[in-house]
Amino acid sequence: MLVSEILAIKGKVLYTIAPNKSLAEAVEIMTEQDVGSLVVFSHGHMVGMLTFREVLRAVHKGGAEWGAMTIEQAMLSGPIAASPNMEMDELRRLMVEHRQRYLPVMDGTTLLGVVSFHDVAKGVLEEQSFENRMLKNYIRNWPQEPGEEA
């Protein structure tokens, strides 16, 4: 399965923010949109990622004044990005090696979406389910599970 296929399943809604915005604004967007990350763009170029992990670090560091901190002060600068034609195994390896739960998907300088570890897990389950159905269809007279369609 390719990253582009994961995006097709997930949908391609994009949430971005500028580095000069406040952390309070970012938390409001993340909460209202129910997303765990925002891609940080400046002058048309991706410059960072803000996830709940960076927000928690900023809260710890900034104390009562955390909300006034800028995105630039809290974001992960220069995050690793995935390409749309990347295989899922390579994507999983990148996420684990770089400890990034969210990866922006870039086609050159164009943001196509963001994949999360949850999206990858869901993709794996769907792929395995499809392969399982195909194998069962291949083997004649395979007993069907209750509630399973032929």
Protein backbone atom coordinates (compact mmCIF):
# COMPACT_ATOMS: atom_id res chain seq x y z
CA MET A 1 0.00 0.00 0.00
CA LEU A 2 1.25 3.48 -0.89
CA VAL A 3 1.02 6.68 1.14
CA SER A 4 -1.25 8.12 -1.57
CA GLU A 5 -3.69 5.23 -0.96
CA ILE A 6 -3.72 5.96 2.78
CA LEU A 7 -4.53 9.60 1.99
CA ALA A 8 -7.32 8.48 -0.35
CA ILE A 9 -8.89 6.43 2.46
CA LYS A 10 -8.40 9.16 5.03
CA GLY A 11 -9.30 12.16 2.94
CA LYS A 12 -7.16 15.16 2.19
CA VAL A 13 -8.35 17.87 4.57
CA LEU A 14 -5.38 20.10 5.38
CA TYR A 15 -4.81 22.13 8.54
CA THR A 16 -1.95 24.60 8.54
CA ILE A 17 -0.82 27.53 10.65
CA ALA A 18 1.76 30.31 10.40
CA PRO A 19 4.79 30.31 12.73
CA ASN A 20 3.97 33.76 14.14
CA LYS A 21 0.54 32.70 15.48
CA SER A 22 0.09 31.99 19.18
CA LEU A 23 0.07 28.55 20.71
CA ALA A 24 -3.39 29.33 22.12
CA GLU A 25 -4.69 29.83 18.56
CA ALA A 26 -3.19 26.49 17.51
CA VAL A 27 -4.78 24.65 20.44
CA GLU A 28 -8.13 26.21 19.57
CA ILE A 29 -7.86 25.01 15.94
CA MET A 30 -6.67 21.54 16.96
CA THR A 31 -9.53 21.20 19.44
CA GLU A 32 -12.26 22.55 17.14
CA GLN A 33 -11.13 20.43 14.18
CA ASP A 34 -10.29 17.38 16.33
CA VAL A 35 -6.80 17.00 14.83
CA GLY A 36 -3.55 16.05 16.50
CA SER A 37 -1.26 18.13 14.31
CA LEU A 38 -0.90 21.29 12.27
CA VAL A 39 1.60 21.80 9.48
CA VAL A 40 3.47 25.10 9.87
CA PHE A 41 3.86 27.11 6.67
CA SER A 42 5.74 30.35 6.11
CA HIS A 43 5.78 32.14 2.74
CA GLY A 44 4.46 29.04 0.96
CA HIS A 45 7.03 26.63 2.42
CA MET A 46 6.65 24.02 5.13
CA VAL A 47 8.85 25.01 8.07
CA GLY A 48 7.58 22.76 10.85
CA MET A 49 4.96 20.59 12.52
CA LEU A 50 3.02 21.23 15.67
CA THR A 51 1.56 18.19 17.43
CA PHE A 52 0.07 17.68 20.85
CA ARG A 53 3.56 16.55 21.97
CA GLU A 54 5.07 19.95 21.17
CA VAL A 55 2.10 21.69 22.79
CA LEU A 56 2.63 19.75 26.03
CA ARG A 57 6.34 20.57 26.00
CA ALA A 58 5.50 24.27 25.54
CA VAL A 59 2.98 24.16 28.40
CA HIS A 60 5.64 22.62 30.63
CA LYS A 61 8.29 25.15 29.53
CA GLY A 62 6.07 28.26 29.42
CA GLY A 63 4.05 27.71 32.56
CA ALA A 64 1.09 30.08 32.86
CA GLU A 65 2.26 32.05 29.81
CA TRP A 66 2.24 29.07 27.40
CA GLY A 67 -0.68 30.41 25.35
CA ALA A 68 1.24 33.54 24.36
CA MET A 69 4.18 31.55 22.99
CA THR A 70 4.46 31.53 19.20
CA ILE A 71 4.14 28.41 17.09
CA GLU A 72 7.77 28.93 16.03
CA GLN A 73 8.89 28.63 19.65
CA ALA A 74 7.12 25.29 20.11
CA MET A 75 7.08 23.56 16.70
CA LEU A 76 9.22 20.72 15.46
CA SER A 77 11.41 22.44 12.86
CA GLY A 78 12.15 20.69 9.57
CA PRO A 79 10.04 17.56 10.10
CA ILE A 80 10.63 14.44 8.04
CA ALA A 81 8.08 14.30 5.21
CA ALA A 82 6.67 11.37 3.26
CA SER A 83 6.15 11.27 -0.48
CA PRO A 84 2.89 10.04 -2.03
CA ASN A 85 4.61 7.10 -3.77
CA MET A 86 6.31 5.84 -0.60
CA GLU A 87 5.47 2.28 0.46
CA MET A 88 3.74 1.83 3.80
CA ASP A 89 6.64 -0.23 5.22
CA GLU A 90 9.06 2.64 4.55
CA LEU A 91 6.56 5.10 6.07
CA ARG A 92 6.30 3.01 9.26
CA ARG A 93 10.08 2.77 9.48
CA LEU A 94 10.45 6.56 9.14
CA MET A 95 7.81 7.22 11.79
CA VAL A 96 9.43 4.85 14.27
CA GLU A 97 13.04 5.90 13.60
CA HIS A 98 12.30 9.61 13.87
CA ARG A 99 9.67 9.27 16.61
CA GLN A 100 7.13 11.26 14.58
CA ARG A 101 3.52 10.19 15.05
CA TYR A 102 2.43 12.53 12.28
CA LEU A 103 4.15 12.94 8.92
CA PRO A 104 3.30 15.56 6.33
CA VAL A 105 2.96 14.16 2.81
CA MET A 106 4.69 16.42 0.31
CA ASP A 107 4.85 16.33 -3.46
CA GLY A 108 7.76 18.69 -4.03
CA THR A 109 6.69 21.83 -2.18
CA THR A 110 2.97 20.96 -2.24
CA LEU A 111 1.36 19.63 0.94
CA LEU A 112 -0.95 16.72 0.07
CA GLY A 113 -1.98 15.76 3.59
CA VAL A 114 -0.79 14.41 6.91
CA VAL A 115 -0.66 10.75 7.89
CA SER A 116 -0.76 9.66 11.49
CA PHE A 117 0.32 6.43 13.12
CA HIS A 118 -3.42 5.70 13.48
CA ASP A 119 -3.92 6.11 9.72
CA VAL A 120 -1.08 3.67 9.08
CA ALA A 121 -2.53 1.10 11.50
CA LYS A 122 -5.94 1.44 9.86
CA GLY A 123 -4.34 0.98 6.42
CA VAL A 124 -2.58 -2.18 7.56
CA LEU A 125 -5.83 -3.63 8.90
CA GLU A 126 -7.71 -2.85 5.69
CA GLU A 127 -4.93 -4.35 3.57
CA GLN A 128 -4.82 -7.52 5.66
CA SER A 129 -8.60 -7.84 5.58
CA PHE A 130 -8.59 -7.52 1.77
CA GLU A 131 -5.82 -10.14 1.41
CA ASN A 132 -7.66 -12.46 3.78
CA ARG A 133 -10.88 -12.19 1.72
CA MET A 134 -8.96 -12.82 -1.50
CA LEU A 135 -7.29 -15.93 -0.07
CA LYS A 136 -10.60 -17.28 1.21
CA ASN A 137 -12.18 -16.71 -2.20
CA TYR A 138 -9.26 -18.51 -3.82
CA ILE A 139 -9.64 -21.59 -1.66
CA ARG A 140 -12.82 -23.42 -2.61
CA ASN A 141 -15.34 -24.36 0.06
CA TRP A 142 -13.69 -22.22 2.71
CA PRO A 143 -16.12 -21.98 5.62
CA GLN A 144 -17.46 -18.47 5.98
CA GLU A 145 -17.38 -16.65 9.29
CA PRO A 146 -20.84 -15.81 10.68
CA GLY A 147 -21.96 -12.43 9.33
CA GLU A 148 -19.32 -12.36 6.58
CA GLU A 149 -20.34 -11.62 3.00
CA ALA A 150 -19.29 -13.91 0.17
